[in-house]
């Protein structure tokens, strides 16, 4: 599935699978925004902190099962499994791309 995803999304997913925080951050623009669990994380410093707490510390890995383009976004759906209550949980990741970078990510 990762090979089919647009390059920046595939890079994010691949880095997440091996708990590589730097690799997860690399595809984001410097002024990117992540919306997750009611929180807003803007810019590399805030997104790096979010990656550490939301993915690395809880060993959470998102595995996309399907994806599509919708309203200018890449919408990926799949399970997130890790060391957190209720794992695994089905999530929808909505990526907004700017060229070959992720400009925004909303997780629901």
Protein backbone atom coordinates (compact mmCIF):
# COMPACT_ATOMS: atom_id res chain seq x y z
CA UNK A 1 0.00 0.00 0.00
CA UNK A 2 2.77 2.50 0.85
CA UNK A 3 4.21 2.30 -2.66
CA UNK A 4 0.87 3.46 -4.07
CA UNK A 5 0.60 6.49 -1.78
CA UNK A 6 1.84 9.90 -2.92
CA UNK A 7 5.53 10.26 -2.07
CA UNK A 8 5.31 12.54 1.02
CA UNK A 9 2.53 10.46 2.56
CA UNK A 10 4.39 7.22 1.84
CA UNK A 11 7.52 8.68 3.48
CA UNK A 12 5.53 9.66 6.60
CA UNK A 13 3.90 6.20 6.84
CA UNK A 14 7.19 4.35 6.27
CA UNK A 15 8.99 6.38 8.94
CA UNK A 16 6.10 5.84 11.36
CA UNK A 17 6.38 2.06 10.88
CA UNK A 18 9.96 2.13 12.23
CA UNK A 19 9.39 4.87 14.85
CA UNK A 20 11.66 7.35 13.05
CA UNK A 21 10.59 10.76 14.37
CA UNK A 22 12.94 12.67 12.05
CA UNK A 23 11.66 10.71 9.06
CA UNK A 24 8.05 11.37 10.05
CA UNK A 25 8.75 15.10 10.32
CA UNK A 26 10.78 15.41 7.12
CA UNK A 27 7.84 15.43 4.63
CA UNK A 28 6.09 18.36 6.38
CA UNK A 29 6.45 21.97 5.26
CA UNK A 30 8.04 24.22 7.89
CA UNK A 31 4.69 25.91 8.56
CA UNK A 32 2.54 22.75 8.38
CA UNK A 33 -0.43 22.19 10.69
CA UNK A 34 -1.52 18.95 12.36
CA UNK A 35 -4.99 18.66 13.89
CA UNK A 36 -5.38 15.67 16.21
CA UNK A 37 -7.64 14.95 19.20
CA UNK A 38 -8.76 18.56 19.38
CA UNK A 39 -5.19 19.86 19.38
CA UNK A 40 -3.49 22.09 16.83
CA UNK A 41 0.23 21.66 16.24
CA UNK A 42 1.85 24.21 13.93
CA UNK A 43 5.39 24.30 12.60
CA UNK A 44 8.20 21.79 12.90
CA UNK A 45 8.83 22.25 16.64
CA UNK A 46 5.21 21.61 17.62
CA UNK A 47 4.79 18.80 15.11
CA UNK A 48 7.99 17.12 16.36
CA UNK A 49 6.61 17.23 19.93
CA UNK A 50 3.28 15.81 18.70
CA UNK A 51 5.07 12.99 16.83
CA UNK A 52 7.02 12.12 19.95
CA UNK A 53 3.96 12.02 22.22
CA UNK A 54 1.36 10.63 19.79
CA UNK A 55 3.44 8.06 17.91
CA UNK A 56 6.85 7.35 19.38
CA UNK A 57 6.01 7.23 23.10
CA UNK A 58 2.90 5.11 22.56
CA UNK A 59 4.50 2.98 19.81
CA UNK A 60 1.54 3.89 17.59
CA UNK A 61 1.75 2.80 13.95
CA UNK A 62 -0.79 3.86 11.34
CA UNK A 63 -1.28 1.28 8.62
CA UNK A 64 -3.32 2.64 5.71
CA UNK A 65 -5.65 0.11 4.14
CA UNK A 66 -7.22 2.38 1.51
CA UNK A 67 -6.67 5.88 0.19
CA UNK A 68 -8.29 8.27 -2.24
CA UNK A 69 -8.10 11.85 -3.43
CA UNK A 70 -11.01 13.93 -2.16
CA UNK A 71 -11.54 17.70 -2.18
CA UNK A 72 -7.84 18.41 -2.71
CA UNK A 73 -6.74 16.02 0.05
CA UNK A 74 -5.23 12.57 0.22
CA UNK A 75 -7.57 10.64 2.51
CA UNK A 76 -6.04 7.47 3.99
CA UNK A 77 -8.03 5.11 6.19
CA UNK A 78 -6.68 2.29 8.33
CA UNK A 79 -5.82 0.99 11.74
CA UNK A 80 -3.47 2.52 14.28
CA UNK A 81 -2.03 -0.01 16.70
CA UNK A 82 0.27 0.58 19.64
CA UNK A 83 0.66 0.74 23.39
CA UNK A 84 -2.46 2.77 24.17
CA UNK A 85 -5.97 1.99 25.46
CA UNK A 86 -8.35 0.65 22.82
CA UNK A 87 -5.61 -0.33 20.39
CA UNK A 88 -6.05 -0.85 17.52
CA UNK A 89 -8.28 2.05 16.51
CA UNK A 90 -9.51 2.90 13.01
CA UNK A 91 -8.53 6.42 11.90
CA UNK A 92 -8.89 8.63 8.87
CA UNK A 93 -5.83 10.72 7.99
CA UNK A 94 -6.51 13.71 5.69
CA UNK A 95 -3.30 15.03 4.16
CA UNK A 96 -3.14 18.35 2.31
CA UNK A 97 -0.13 18.43 0.03
CA UNK A 98 1.85 21.43 -1.19
CA UNK A 99 4.01 20.14 -4.01
CA UNK A 100 6.10 17.30 -2.60
CA UNK A 101 5.42 18.21 1.05
CA UNK A 102 2.64 17.78 3.60
CA UNK A 103 1.12 21.17 4.40
CA UNK A 104 -1.59 19.88 6.73
CA UNK A 105 -2.72 16.68 8.38
CA UNK A 106 -6.06 16.16 10.11
CA UNK A 107 -6.68 12.93 11.99
CA UNK A 108 -10.20 11.79 12.83
